[in-house]
mmCIF file of all heavy atoms, coordinates in Angstrom:
data_MODEL
# 
_entry.id   MODEL 
# 
loop_
_atom_site.group_PDB 
_atom_site.id 
_atom_site.type_symbol 
_atom_site.label_atom_id 
_atom_site.label_alt_id 
_atom_site.label_comp_id 
_atom_site.label_asym_id 
_atom_site.label_entity_id 
_atom_site.label_seq_id 
_atom_site.pdbx_PDB_ins_code 
_atom_site.Cartn_x 
_atom_site.Cartn_y 
_atom_site.Cartn_z 
_atom_site.occupancy 
_atom_site.B_iso_or_equiv 
_atom_site.pdbx_formal_charge 
_atom_site.auth_seq_id 
_atom_site.auth_comp_id 
_atom_site.auth_asym_id 
_atom_site.auth_atom_id 
_atom_site.pdbx_PDB_model_num 
ATOM 1   N N   . PHE A 1 1  ? -1.998  0.261  -11.436 1.00 0.00 ? 1  PHE A N   1 
ATOM 2   C CA  . PHE A 1 1  ? -0.895  -0.475 -12.053 1.00 0.00 ? 1  PHE A CA  1 
ATOM 3   C C   . PHE A 1 1  ? -1.322  -1.750 -12.784 1.00 0.00 ? 1  PHE A C   1 
ATOM 4   O O   . PHE A 1 1  ? -0.548  -2.302 -13.568 1.00 0.00 ? 1  PHE A O   1 
ATOM 5   C CB  . PHE A 1 1  ? 0.151   -0.834 -10.998 1.00 0.00 ? 1  PHE A CB  1 
ATOM 6   C CG  . PHE A 1 1  ? 0.855   0.360  -10.427 1.00 0.00 ? 1  PHE A CG  1 
ATOM 7   C CD1 . PHE A 1 1  ? 1.184   0.410  -9.083  1.00 0.00 ? 1  PHE A CD1 1 
ATOM 8   C CD2 . PHE A 1 1  ? 1.189   1.441  -11.219 1.00 0.00 ? 1  PHE A CD2 1 
ATOM 9   C CE1 . PHE A 1 1  ? 1.840   1.512  -8.551  1.00 0.00 ? 1  PHE A CE1 1 
ATOM 10  C CE2 . PHE A 1 1  ? 1.840   2.539  -10.700 1.00 0.00 ? 1  PHE A CE2 1 
ATOM 11  C CZ  . PHE A 1 1  ? 2.167   2.587  -9.364  1.00 0.00 ? 1  PHE A CZ  1 
ATOM 12  N N   . ILE A 1 2  ? -2.537  -2.226 -12.512 1.00 0.00 ? 2  ILE A N   1 
ATOM 13  C CA  . ILE A 1 2  ? -2.962  -3.479 -13.156 1.00 0.00 ? 2  ILE A CA  1 
ATOM 14  C C   . ILE A 1 2  ? -4.231  -3.272 -13.988 1.00 0.00 ? 2  ILE A C   1 
ATOM 15  O O   . ILE A 1 2  ? -4.237  -3.526 -15.197 1.00 0.00 ? 2  ILE A O   1 
ATOM 16  C CB  . ILE A 1 2  ? -3.176  -4.596 -12.109 1.00 0.00 ? 2  ILE A CB  1 
ATOM 17  C CG1 . ILE A 1 2  ? -1.834  -4.945 -11.444 1.00 0.00 ? 2  ILE A CG1 1 
ATOM 18  C CG2 . ILE A 1 2  ? -3.785  -5.836 -12.766 1.00 0.00 ? 2  ILE A CG2 1 
ATOM 19  C CD1 . ILE A 1 2  ? -1.937  -6.027 -10.385 1.00 0.00 ? 2  ILE A CD1 1 
ATOM 20  N N   . LEU A 1 3  ? -5.296  -2.821 -13.350 1.00 0.00 ? 3  LEU A N   1 
ATOM 21  C CA  . LEU A 1 3  ? -6.578  -2.779 -14.050 1.00 0.00 ? 3  LEU A CA  1 
ATOM 22  C C   . LEU A 1 3  ? -6.602  -1.766 -15.193 1.00 0.00 ? 3  LEU A C   1 
ATOM 23  O O   . LEU A 1 3  ? -7.046  -2.082 -16.304 1.00 0.00 ? 3  LEU A O   1 
ATOM 24  C CB  . LEU A 1 3  ? -7.696  -2.481 -13.051 1.00 0.00 ? 3  LEU A CB  1 
ATOM 25  C CG  . LEU A 1 3  ? -7.986  -3.594 -12.035 1.00 0.00 ? 3  LEU A CG  1 
ATOM 26  C CD1 . LEU A 1 3  ? -9.008  -3.129 -11.006 1.00 0.00 ? 3  LEU A CD1 1 
ATOM 27  C CD2 . LEU A 1 3  ? -8.490  -4.851 -12.756 1.00 0.00 ? 3  LEU A CD2 1 
ATOM 28  N N   . LYS A 1 4  ? -6.145  -0.560 -14.930 1.00 0.00 ? 4  LYS A N   1 
ATOM 29  C CA  . LYS A 1 4  ? -6.206  0.474  -15.970 1.00 0.00 ? 4  LYS A CA  1 
ATOM 30  C C   . LYS A 1 4  ? -5.327  0.148  -17.181 1.00 0.00 ? 4  LYS A C   1 
ATOM 31  O O   . LYS A 1 4  ? -5.784  0.282  -18.330 1.00 0.00 ? 4  LYS A O   1 
ATOM 32  C CB  . LYS A 1 4  ? -5.848  1.839  -15.375 1.00 0.00 ? 4  LYS A CB  1 
ATOM 33  C CG  . LYS A 1 4  ? -6.940  2.380  -14.449 1.00 0.00 ? 4  LYS A CG  1 
ATOM 34  C CD  . LYS A 1 4  ? -6.481  3.607  -13.692 1.00 0.00 ? 4  LYS A CD  1 
ATOM 35  C CE  . LYS A 1 4  ? -6.234  4.793  -14.595 1.00 0.00 ? 4  LYS A CE  1 
ATOM 36  N NZ  . LYS A 1 4  ? -5.910  6.016  -13.824 1.00 0.00 ? 4  LYS A NZ  1 
ATOM 37  N N   . PRO A 1 5  ? -4.100  -0.317 -16.995 1.00 0.00 ? 5  PRO A N   1 
ATOM 38  C CA  . PRO A 1 5  ? -3.286  -0.607 -18.189 1.00 0.00 ? 5  PRO A CA  1 
ATOM 39  C C   . PRO A 1 5  ? -3.520  -1.974 -18.823 1.00 0.00 ? 5  PRO A C   1 
ATOM 40  O O   . PRO A 1 5  ? -3.224  -2.158 -20.004 1.00 0.00 ? 5  PRO A O   1 
ATOM 41  C CB  . PRO A 1 5  ? -1.852  -0.493 -17.661 1.00 0.00 ? 5  PRO A CB  1 
ATOM 42  C CG  . PRO A 1 5  ? -1.953  -0.836 -16.221 1.00 0.00 ? 5  PRO A CG  1 
ATOM 43  C CD  . PRO A 1 5  ? -3.287  -0.329 -15.763 1.00 0.00 ? 5  PRO A CD  1 
ATOM 44  N N   . TYR A 1 6  ? -4.048  -2.944 -18.054 1.00 0.00 ? 6  TYR A N   1 
ATOM 45  C CA  . TYR A 1 6  ? -4.088  -4.321 -18.560 1.00 0.00 ? 6  TYR A CA  1 
ATOM 46  C C   . TYR A 1 6  ? -5.497  -4.897 -18.747 1.00 0.00 ? 6  TYR A C   1 
ATOM 47  O O   . TYR A 1 6  ? -5.656  -5.897 -19.438 1.00 0.00 ? 6  TYR A O   1 
ATOM 48  C CB  . TYR A 1 6  ? -3.307  -5.252 -17.626 1.00 0.00 ? 6  TYR A CB  1 
ATOM 49  C CG  . TYR A 1 6  ? -1.827  -4.960 -17.598 1.00 0.00 ? 6  TYR A CG  1 
ATOM 50  C CD1 . TYR A 1 6  ? -1.247  -4.323 -16.506 1.00 0.00 ? 6  TYR A CD1 1 
ATOM 51  C CD2 . TYR A 1 6  ? -1.009  -5.324 -18.660 1.00 0.00 ? 6  TYR A CD2 1 
ATOM 52  C CE1 . TYR A 1 6  ? 0.114   -4.048 -16.476 1.00 0.00 ? 6  TYR A CE1 1 
ATOM 53  C CE2 . TYR A 1 6  ? 0.361   -5.061 -18.647 1.00 0.00 ? 6  TYR A CE2 1 
ATOM 54  C CZ  . TYR A 1 6  ? 0.912   -4.415 -17.542 1.00 0.00 ? 6  TYR A CZ  1 
ATOM 55  O OH  . TYR A 1 6  ? 2.258   -4.146 -17.514 1.00 0.00 ? 6  TYR A OH  1 
ATOM 56  N N   . PHE A 1 7  ? -6.518  -4.297 -18.128 1.00 0.00 ? 7  PHE A N   1 
ATOM 57  C CA  . PHE A 1 7  ? -7.872  -4.851 -18.217 1.00 0.00 ? 7  PHE A CA  1 
ATOM 58  C C   . PHE A 1 7  ? -8.665  -3.998 -19.195 1.00 0.00 ? 7  PHE A C   1 
ATOM 59  O O   . PHE A 1 7  ? -9.109  -2.898 -18.865 1.00 0.00 ? 7  PHE A O   1 
ATOM 60  C CB  . PHE A 1 7  ? -8.523  -4.858 -16.837 1.00 0.00 ? 7  PHE A CB  1 
ATOM 61  C CG  . PHE A 1 7  ? -9.772  -5.677 -16.746 1.00 0.00 ? 7  PHE A CG  1 
ATOM 62  C CD1 . PHE A 1 7  ? -10.052 -6.687 -17.656 1.00 0.00 ? 7  PHE A CD1 1 
ATOM 63  C CD2 . PHE A 1 7  ? -10.694 -5.440 -15.734 1.00 0.00 ? 7  PHE A CD2 1 
ATOM 64  C CE1 . PHE A 1 7  ? -11.206 -7.446 -17.570 1.00 0.00 ? 7  PHE A CE1 1 
ATOM 65  C CE2 . PHE A 1 7  ? -11.848 -6.193 -15.629 1.00 0.00 ? 7  PHE A CE2 1 
ATOM 66  C CZ  . PHE A 1 7  ? -12.107 -7.195 -16.553 1.00 0.00 ? 7  PHE A CZ  1 
ATOM 67  N N   . MET A 1 8  ? -8.825  -4.505 -20.391 1.00 0.00 ? 8  MET A N   1 
ATOM 68  C CA  . MET A 1 8  ? -9.458  -3.734 -21.458 1.00 0.00 ? 8  MET A CA  1 
ATOM 69  C C   . MET A 1 8  ? -10.879 -3.315 -21.075 1.00 0.00 ? 8  MET A C   1 
ATOM 70  O O   . MET A 1 8  ? -11.670 -4.108 -20.587 1.00 0.00 ? 8  MET A O   1 
ATOM 71  C CB  . MET A 1 8  ? -9.484  -4.555 -22.751 1.00 0.00 ? 8  MET A CB  1 
ATOM 72  C CG  . MET A 1 8  ? -10.021 -3.795 -23.965 1.00 0.00 ? 8  MET A CG  1 
ATOM 73  S SD  . MET A 1 8  ? -9.910  -4.772 -25.491 1.00 0.00 ? 8  MET A SD  1 
ATOM 74  C CE  . MET A 1 8  ? -8.116  -4.920 -25.639 1.00 0.00 ? 8  MET A CE  1 
ATOM 75  N N   . GLY A 1 9  ? -11.161 -2.041 -21.258 1.00 0.00 ? 9  GLY A N   1 
ATOM 76  C CA  . GLY A 1 9  ? -12.491 -1.517 -20.993 1.00 0.00 ? 9  GLY A CA  1 
ATOM 77  C C   . GLY A 1 9  ? -12.717 -1.109 -19.551 1.00 0.00 ? 9  GLY A C   1 
ATOM 78  O O   . GLY A 1 9  ? -13.815 -0.627 -19.214 1.00 0.00 ? 9  GLY A O   1 
ATOM 79  N N   . TYR A 1 10 ? -11.711 -1.255 -18.700 1.00 0.00 ? 10 TYR A N   1 
ATOM 80  C CA  . TYR A 1 10 ? -11.906 -0.903 -17.289 1.00 0.00 ? 10 TYR A CA  1 
ATOM 81  C C   . TYR A 1 10 ? -12.086 0.602  -17.129 1.00 0.00 ? 10 TYR A C   1 
ATOM 82  O O   . TYR A 1 10 ? -11.359 1.400  -17.711 1.00 0.00 ? 10 TYR A O   1 
ATOM 83  C CB  . TYR A 1 10 ? -10.715 -1.359 -16.452 1.00 0.00 ? 10 TYR A CB  1 
ATOM 84  C CG  . TYR A 1 10 ? -10.850 -0.967 -14.991 1.00 0.00 ? 10 TYR A CG  1 
ATOM 85  C CD1 . TYR A 1 10 ? -11.674 -1.682 -14.129 1.00 0.00 ? 10 TYR A CD1 1 
ATOM 86  C CD2 . TYR A 1 10 ? -10.176 0.138  -14.490 1.00 0.00 ? 10 TYR A CD2 1 
ATOM 87  C CE1 . TYR A 1 10 ? -11.814 -1.309 -12.804 1.00 0.00 ? 10 TYR A CE1 1 
ATOM 88  C CE2 . TYR A 1 10 ? -10.304 0.515  -13.161 1.00 0.00 ? 10 TYR A CE2 1 
ATOM 89  C CZ  . TYR A 1 10 ? -11.127 -0.218 -12.323 1.00 0.00 ? 10 TYR A CZ  1 
ATOM 90  O OH  . TYR A 1 10 ? -11.271 0.152  -11.005 1.00 0.00 ? 10 TYR A OH  1 
ATOM 91  N N   . GLN A 1 11 ? -13.080 0.981  -16.341 1.00 0.00 ? 11 GLN A N   1 
ATOM 92  C CA  . GLN A 1 11 ? -13.335 2.374  -16.003 1.00 0.00 ? 11 GLN A CA  1 
ATOM 93  C C   . GLN A 1 11 ? -13.064 2.571  -14.521 1.00 0.00 ? 11 GLN A C   1 
ATOM 94  O O   . GLN A 1 11 ? -13.617 1.865  -13.678 1.00 0.00 ? 11 GLN A O   1 
ATOM 95  C CB  . GLN A 1 11 ? -14.794 2.747  -16.322 1.00 0.00 ? 11 GLN A CB  1 
ATOM 96  C CG  . GLN A 1 11 ? -15.156 2.649  -17.794 1.00 0.00 ? 11 GLN A CG  1 
ATOM 97  C CD  . GLN A 1 11 ? -14.413 3.689  -18.625 1.00 0.00 ? 11 GLN A CD  1 
ATOM 98  O OE1 . GLN A 1 11 ? -14.264 4.841  -18.216 1.00 0.00 ? 11 GLN A OE1 1 
ATOM 99  N NE2 . GLN A 1 11 ? -13.949 3.274  -19.807 1.00 0.00 ? 11 GLN A NE2 1 
ATOM 100 N N   . GLU A 1 12 ? -12.194 3.546  -14.202 1.00 0.00 ? 12 GLU A N   1 
ATOM 101 C CA  . GLU A 1 12 ? -11.854 3.744  -12.799 1.00 0.00 ? 12 GLU A CA  1 
ATOM 102 C C   . GLU A 1 12 ? -13.066 4.192  -12.001 1.00 0.00 ? 12 GLU A C   1 
ATOM 103 O O   . GLU A 1 12 ? -13.976 4.843  -12.513 1.00 0.00 ? 12 GLU A O   1 
ATOM 104 C CB  . GLU A 1 12 ? -10.710 4.736  -12.648 1.00 0.00 ? 12 GLU A CB  1 
ATOM 105 C CG  . GLU A 1 12 ? -10.945 6.089  -13.252 1.00 0.00 ? 12 GLU A CG  1 
ATOM 106 C CD  . GLU A 1 12 ? -9.680  6.933  -13.251 1.00 0.00 ? 12 GLU A CD  1 
ATOM 107 O OE1 . GLU A 1 12 ? -8.849  6.764  -12.339 1.00 0.00 ? 12 GLU A OE1 1 
ATOM 108 O OE2 . GLU A 1 12 ? -9.517  7.752  -14.161 1.00 0.00 ? 12 GLU A OE2 1 
ATOM 109 N N   . PHE A 1 13 ? -13.072 3.829  -10.730 1.00 0.00 ? 13 PHE A N   1 
ATOM 110 C CA  . PHE A 1 13 ? -14.209 4.083  -9.860  1.00 0.00 ? 13 PHE A CA  1 
ATOM 111 C C   . PHE A 1 13 ? -14.447 5.581  -9.680  1.00 0.00 ? 13 PHE A C   1 
ATOM 112 O O   . PHE A 1 13 ? -15.578 6.061  -9.764  1.00 0.00 ? 13 PHE A O   1 
ATOM 113 C CB  . PHE A 1 13 ? -13.972 3.421  -8.507  1.00 0.00 ? 13 PHE A CB  1 
ATOM 114 C CG  . PHE A 1 13 ? -15.069 3.633  -7.504  1.00 0.00 ? 13 PHE A CG  1 
ATOM 115 C CD1 . PHE A 1 13 ? -16.212 2.854  -7.539  1.00 0.00 ? 13 PHE A CD1 1 
ATOM 116 C CD2 . PHE A 1 13 ? -14.959 4.606  -6.514  1.00 0.00 ? 13 PHE A CD2 1 
ATOM 117 C CE1 . PHE A 1 13 ? -17.235 3.042  -6.605  1.00 0.00 ? 13 PHE A CE1 1 
ATOM 118 C CE2 . PHE A 1 13 ? -15.969 4.795  -5.575  1.00 0.00 ? 13 PHE A CE2 1 
ATOM 119 C CZ  . PHE A 1 13 ? -17.109 4.006  -5.629  1.00 0.00 ? 13 PHE A CZ  1 
ATOM 120 N N   . ASP A 1 14 ? -13.392 6.322  -9.403  1.00 0.00 ? 14 ASP A N   1 
ATOM 121 C CA  . ASP A 1 14 ? -13.505 7.767  -9.201  1.00 0.00 ? 14 ASP A CA  1 
ATOM 122 C C   . ASP A 1 14 ? -12.186 8.380  -9.659  1.00 0.00 ? 14 ASP A C   1 
ATOM 123 O O   . ASP A 1 14 ? -11.125 8.115  -9.084  1.00 0.00 ? 14 ASP A O   1 
ATOM 124 C CB  . ASP A 1 14 ? -13.747 8.090  -7.731  1.00 0.00 ? 14 ASP A CB  1 
ATOM 125 C CG  . ASP A 1 14 ? -14.077 9.562  -7.489  1.00 0.00 ? 14 ASP A CG  1 
ATOM 126 O OD1 . ASP A 1 14 ? -13.462 10.415 -8.157  1.00 0.00 ? 14 ASP A OD1 1 
ATOM 127 O OD2 . ASP A 1 14 ? -14.918 9.863  -6.631  1.00 0.00 ? 14 ASP A OD2 1 
ATOM 128 N N   . ALA A 1 15 ? -12.235 9.224  -10.686 1.00 0.00 ? 15 ALA A N   1 
ATOM 129 C CA  . ALA A 1 15 ? -11.022 9.808  -11.261 1.00 0.00 ? 15 ALA A CA  1 
ATOM 130 C C   . ALA A 1 15 ? -10.276 10.682 -10.258 1.00 0.00 ? 15 ALA A C   1 
ATOM 131 O O   . ALA A 1 15 ? -9.072  10.921 -10.421 1.00 0.00 ? 15 ALA A O   1 
ATOM 132 C CB  . ALA A 1 15 ? -11.379 10.613 -12.508 1.00 0.00 ? 15 ALA A CB  1 
ATOM 133 N N   . ASN A 1 16 ? -10.956 11.171 -9.226  1.00 0.00 ? 16 ASN A N   1 
ATOM 134 C CA  . ASN A 1 16 ? -10.299 12.026 -8.234  1.00 0.00 ? 16 ASN A CA  1 
ATOM 135 C C   . ASN A 1 16 ? -9.429  11.251 -7.259  1.00 0.00 ? 16 ASN A C   1 
ATOM 136 O O   . ASN A 1 16 ? -8.543  11.818 -6.614  1.00 0.00 ? 16 ASN A O   1 
ATOM 137 C CB  . ASN A 1 16 ? -11.348 12.820 -7.440  1.00 0.00 ? 16 ASN A CB  1 
ATOM 138 C CG  . ASN A 1 16 ? -12.043 13.872 -8.282  1.00 0.00 ? 16 ASN A CG  1 
ATOM 139 O OD1 . ASN A 1 16 ? -11.405 14.541 -9.097  1.00 0.00 ? 16 ASN A OD1 1 
ATOM 140 N ND2 . ASN A 1 16 ? -13.346 14.020 -8.097  1.00 0.00 ? 16 ASN A ND2 1 
ATOM 141 N N   . TYR A 1 17 ? -9.691  9.940  -7.121  1.00 0.00 ? 17 TYR A N   1 
ATOM 142 C CA  . TYR A 1 17 ? -8.974  9.171  -6.102  1.00 0.00 ? 17 TYR A CA  1 
ATOM 143 C C   . TYR A 1 17 ? -7.474  9.132  -6.366  1.00 0.00 ? 17 TYR A C   1 
ATOM 144 O O   . TYR A 1 17 ? -6.671  9.162  -5.428  1.00 0.00 ? 17 TYR A O   1 
ATOM 145 C CB  . TYR A 1 17 ? -9.534  7.746  -6.036  1.00 0.00 ? 17 TYR A CB  1 
ATOM 146 C CG  . TYR A 1 17 ? -10.799 7.614  -5.220  1.00 0.00 ? 17 TYR A CG  1 
ATOM 147 C CD1 . TYR A 1 17 ? -11.500 8.733  -4.815  1.00 0.00 ? 17 TYR A CD1 1 
ATOM 148 C CD2 . TYR A 1 17 ? -11.294 6.366  -4.858  1.00 0.00 ? 17 TYR A CD2 1 
ATOM 149 C CE1 . TYR A 1 17 ? -12.666 8.619  -4.070  1.00 0.00 ? 17 TYR A CE1 1 
ATOM 150 C CE2 . TYR A 1 17 ? -12.448 6.237  -4.107  1.00 0.00 ? 17 TYR A CE2 1 
ATOM 151 C CZ  . TYR A 1 17 ? -13.132 7.366  -3.717  1.00 0.00 ? 17 TYR A CZ  1 
ATOM 152 O OH  . TYR A 1 17 ? -14.281 7.241  -2.970  1.00 0.00 ? 17 TYR A OH  1 
ATOM 153 N N   . ASN A 1 18 ? -7.094  9.069  -7.626  1.00 0.00 ? 18 ASN A N   1 
ATOM 154 C CA  . ASN A 1 18 ? -5.663  9.004  -7.927  1.00 0.00 ? 18 ASN A CA  1 
ATOM 155 C C   . ASN A 1 18 ? -4.952  10.260 -7.433  1.00 0.00 ? 18 ASN A C   1 
ATOM 156 O O   . ASN A 1 18 ? -3.830  10.196 -6.925  1.00 0.00 ? 18 ASN A O   1 
ATOM 157 C CB  . ASN A 1 18 ? -5.447  8.834  -9.427  1.00 0.00 ? 18 ASN A CB  1 
ATOM 158 C CG  . ASN A 1 18 ? -4.003  8.539  -9.769  1.00 0.00 ? 18 ASN A CG  1 
ATOM 159 O OD1 . ASN A 1 18 ? -3.507  7.449  -9.514  1.00 0.00 ? 18 ASN A OD1 1 
ATOM 160 N ND2 . ASN A 1 18 ? -3.318  9.513  -10.338 1.00 0.00 ? 18 ASN A ND2 1 
ATOM 161 N N   . PHE A 1 19 ? -5.584  11.405 -7.576  1.00 0.00 ? 19 PHE A N   1 
ATOM 162 C CA  . PHE A 1 19 ? -5.014  12.666 -7.110  1.00 0.00 ? 19 PHE A CA  1 
ATOM 163 C C   . PHE A 1 19 ? -5.052  12.767 -5.593  1.00 0.00 ? 19 PHE A C   1 
ATOM 164 O O   . PHE A 1 19 ? -4.073  13.151 -4.943  1.00 0.00 ? 19 PHE A O   1 
ATOM 165 C CB  . PHE A 1 19 ? -5.782  13.833 -7.735  1.00 0.00 ? 19 PHE A CB  1 
ATOM 166 C CG  . PHE A 1 19 ? -5.395  15.183 -7.186  1.00 0.00 ? 19 PHE A CG  1 
ATOM 167 C CD1 . PHE A 1 19 ? -4.162  15.743 -7.495  1.00 0.00 ? 19 PHE A CD1 1 
ATOM 168 C CD2 . PHE A 1 19 ? -6.270  15.877 -6.366  1.00 0.00 ? 19 PHE A CD2 1 
ATOM 169 C CE1 . PHE A 1 19 ? -3.815  16.993 -6.983  1.00 0.00 ? 19 PHE A CE1 1 
ATOM 170 C CE2 . PHE A 1 19 ? -5.927  17.124 -5.854  1.00 0.00 ? 19 PHE A CE2 1 
ATOM 171 C CZ  . PHE A 1 19 ? -4.696  17.679 -6.161  1.00 0.00 ? 19 PHE A CZ  1 
ATOM 172 N N   . VAL A 1 20 ? -6.175  12.397 -5.008  1.00 0.00 ? 20 VAL A N   1 
ATOM 173 C CA  . VAL A 1 20 ? -6.360  12.539 -3.564  1.00 0.00 ? 20 VAL A CA  1 
ATOM 174 C C   . VAL A 1 20 ? -5.445  11.608 -2.777  1.00 0.00 ? 20 VAL A C   1 
ATOM 175 O O   . VAL A 1 20 ? -4.862  12.002 -1.758  1.00 0.00 ? 20 VAL A O   1 
ATOM 176 C CB  . VAL A 1 20 ? -7.837  12.274 -3.190  1.00 0.00 ? 20 VAL A CB  1 
ATOM 177 C CG1 . VAL A 1 20 ? -8.003  12.175 -1.676  1.00 0.00 ? 20 VAL A CG1 1 
ATOM 178 C CG2 . VAL A 1 20 ? -8.730  13.365 -3.749  1.00 0.00 ? 20 VAL A CG2 1 
ATOM 179 N N   . PHE A 1 21 ? -5.290  10.354 -3.244  1.00 0.00 ? 21 PHE A N   1 
ATOM 180 C CA  . PHE A 1 21 ? -4.578  9.351  -2.455  1.00 0.00 ? 21 PHE A CA  1 
ATOM 181 C C   . PHE A 1 21 ? -3.119  9.159  -2.860  1.00 0.00 ? 21 PHE A C   1 
ATOM 182 O O   . PHE A 1 21 ? -2.390  8.432  -2.190  1.00 0.00 ? 21 PHE A O   1 
ATOM 183 C CB  . PHE A 1 21 ? -5.294  8.003  -2.560  1.00 0.00 ? 21 PHE A CB  1 
ATOM 184 C CG  . PHE A 1 21 ? -6.614  7.967  -1.836  1.00 0.00 ? 21 PHE A CG  1 
ATOM 185 C CD1 . PHE A 1 21 ? -7.774  7.601  -2.503  1.00 0.00 ? 21 PHE A CD1 1 
ATOM 186 C CD2 . PHE A 1 21 ? -6.687  8.283  -0.497  1.00 0.00 ? 21 PHE A CD2 1 
ATOM 187 C CE1 . PHE A 1 21 ? -8.992  7.557  -1.839  1.00 0.00 ? 21 PHE A CE1 1 
ATOM 188 C CE2 . PHE A 1 21 ? -7.886  8.247  0.174   1.00 0.00 ? 21 PHE A CE2 1 
ATOM 189 C CZ  . PHE A 1 21 ? -9.045  7.881  -0.492  1.00 0.00 ? 21 PHE A CZ  1 
ATOM 190 N N   . ASN A 1 22 ? -2.690  9.766  -3.941  1.00 0.00 ? 22 ASN A N   1 
ATOM 191 C CA  . ASN A 1 22 ? -1.305  9.583  -4.363  1.00 0.00 ? 22 ASN A CA  1 
ATOM 192 C C   . ASN A 1 22 ? -0.371  10.227 -3.348  1.00 0.00 ? 22 ASN A C   1 
ATOM 193 O O   . ASN A 1 22 ? -0.357  11.445 -3.187  1.00 0.00 ? 22 ASN A O   1 
ATOM 194 C CB  . ASN A 1 22 ? -1.096  10.206 -5.744  1.00 0.00 ? 22 ASN A CB  1 
ATOM 195 C CG  . ASN A 1 22 ? 0.305   9.975  -6.277  1.00 0.00 ? 22 ASN A CG  1 
ATOM 196 O OD1 . ASN A 1 22 ? 1.109   9.283  -5.676  1.00 0.00 ? 22 ASN A OD1 1 
ATOM 197 N ND2 . ASN A 1 22 ? 0.590   10.577 -7.427  1.00 0.00 ? 22 ASN A ND2 1 
ATOM 198 N N   . SER A 1 23 ? 0.410   9.403  -2.661  1.00 0.00 ? 23 SER A N   1 
ATOM 199 C CA  . SER A 1 23 ? 1.245   9.912  -1.578  1.00 0.00 ? 23 SER A CA  1 
ATOM 200 C C   . SER A 1 23 ? 2.595   10.427 -2.048  1.00 0.00 ? 23 SER A C   1 
ATOM 201 O O   . SER A 1 23 ? 3.098   11.408 -1.527  1.00 0.00 ? 23 SER A O   1 
ATOM 202 C CB  . SER A 1 23 ? 1.442   8.833  -0.507  1.00 0.00 ? 23 SER A CB  1 
ATOM 203 O OG  . SER A 1 23 ? 1.947   7.647  -1.087  1.00 0.00 ? 23 SER A OG  1 
ATOM 204 N N   . TYR A 1 24 ? 3.226   9.731  -3.040  1.00 0.00 ? 24 TYR A N   1 
ATOM 205 C CA  . TYR A 1 24 ? 4.552   10.199 -3.464  1.00 0.00 ? 24 TYR A CA  1 
ATOM 206 C C   . TYR A 1 24 ? 4.935   9.803  -4.886  1.00 0.00 ? 24 TYR A C   1 
ATOM 207 O O   . TYR A 1 24 ? 6.040   10.078 -5.320  1.00 0.00 ? 24 TYR A O   1 
ATOM 208 C CB  . TYR A 1 24 ? 5.631   9.701  -2.498  1.00 0.00 ? 24 TYR A CB  1 
ATOM 209 C CG  . TYR A 1 24 ? 5.719   8.206  -2.306  1.00 0.00 ? 24 TYR A CG  1 
ATOM 210 C CD1 . TYR A 1 24 ? 6.294   7.385  -3.270  1.00 0.00 ? 24 TYR A CD1 1 
ATOM 211 C CD2 . TYR A 1 24 ? 5.240   7.608  -1.141  1.00 0.00 ? 24 TYR A CD2 1 
ATOM 212 C CE1 . TYR A 1 24 ? 6.394   6.026  -3.094  1.00 0.00 ? 24 TYR A CE1 1 
ATOM 213 C CE2 . TYR A 1 24 ? 5.339   6.240  -0.949  1.00 0.00 ? 24 TYR A CE2 1 
ATOM 214 C CZ  . TYR A 1 24 ? 5.916   5.454  -1.925  1.00 0.00 ? 24 TYR A CZ  1 
ATOM 215 O OH  . TYR A 1 24 ? 6.009   4.098  -1.735  1.00 0.00 ? 24 TYR A OH  1 
ATOM 216 N N   . TYR A 1 25 ? 4.060   9.152  -5.627  1.00 0.00 ? 25 TYR A N   1 
ATOM 217 C CA  . TYR A 1 25 ? 4.413   8.690  -6.971  1.00 0.00 ? 25 TYR A CA  1 
ATOM 218 C C   . TYR A 1 25 ? 4.297   9.827  -7.984  1.00 0.00 ? 25 TYR A C   1 
ATOM 219 O O   . TYR A 1 25 ? 3.205   10.220 -8.389  1.00 0.00 ? 25 TYR A O   1 
ATOM 220 C CB  . TYR A 1 25 ? 3.515   7.534  -7.393  1.00 0.00 ? 25 TYR A CB  1 
ATOM 221 C CG  . TYR A 1 25 ? 3.764   6.256  -6.639  1.00 0.00 ? 25 TYR A CG  1 
ATOM 222 C CD1 . TYR A 1 25 ? 3.050   5.943  -5.493  1.00 0.00 ? 25 TYR A CD1 1 
ATOM 223 C CD2 . TYR A 1 25 ? 4.739   5.355  -7.069  1.00 0.00 ? 25 TYR A CD2 1 
ATOM 224 C CE1 . TYR A 1 25 ? 3.284   4.767  -4.790  1.00 0.00 ? 25 TYR A CE1 1 
ATOM 225 C CE2 . TYR A 1 25 ? 4.978   4.174  -6.380  1.00 0.00 ? 25 TYR A CE2 1 
ATOM 226 C CZ  . TYR A 1 25 ? 4.246   3.892  -5.242  1.00 0.00 ? 25 TYR A CZ  1 
ATOM 227 O OH  . TYR A 1 25 ? 4.486   2.733  -4.566  1.00 0.00 ? 25 TYR A OH  1 
ATOM 228 N N   . GLU A 1 26 ? 5.441   10.350 -8.407  1.00 0.00 ? 26 GLU A N   1 
ATOM 229 C CA  . GLU A 1 26 ? 5.452   11.438 -9.383  1.00 0.00 ? 26 GLU A CA  1 
ATOM 230 C C   . GLU A 1 26 ? 5.014   10.952 -10.763 1.00 0.00 ? 26 GLU A C   1 
ATOM 231 O O   . GLU A 1 26 ? 4.422   11.691 -11.532 1.00 0.00 ? 26 GLU A O   1 
ATOM 232 C CB  . GLU A 1 26 ? 6.866   12.029 -9.473  1.00 0.00 ? 26 GLU A CB  1 
ATOM 233 C CG  . GLU A 1 26 ? 7.434   12.555 -8.159  1.00 0.00 ? 26 GLU A CG  1 
ATOM 234 C CD  . GLU A 1 26 ? 6.832   13.885 -7.753  1.00 0.00 ? 26 GLU A CD  1 
ATOM 235 O OE1 . GLU A 1 26 ? 6.041   14.437 -8.555  1.00 0.00 ? 26 GLU A OE1 1 
ATOM 236 O OE2 . GLU A 1 26 ? 7.141   14.359 -6.641  1.00 0.00 ? 26 GLU A OE2 1 
# 
């Protein structure tokens, strides 16, 4: 919610984490 949309050039640590840890955010 902060780094990816607002911090230019930020690369996420592991692209799988969003899928693995997303509990209920559609």
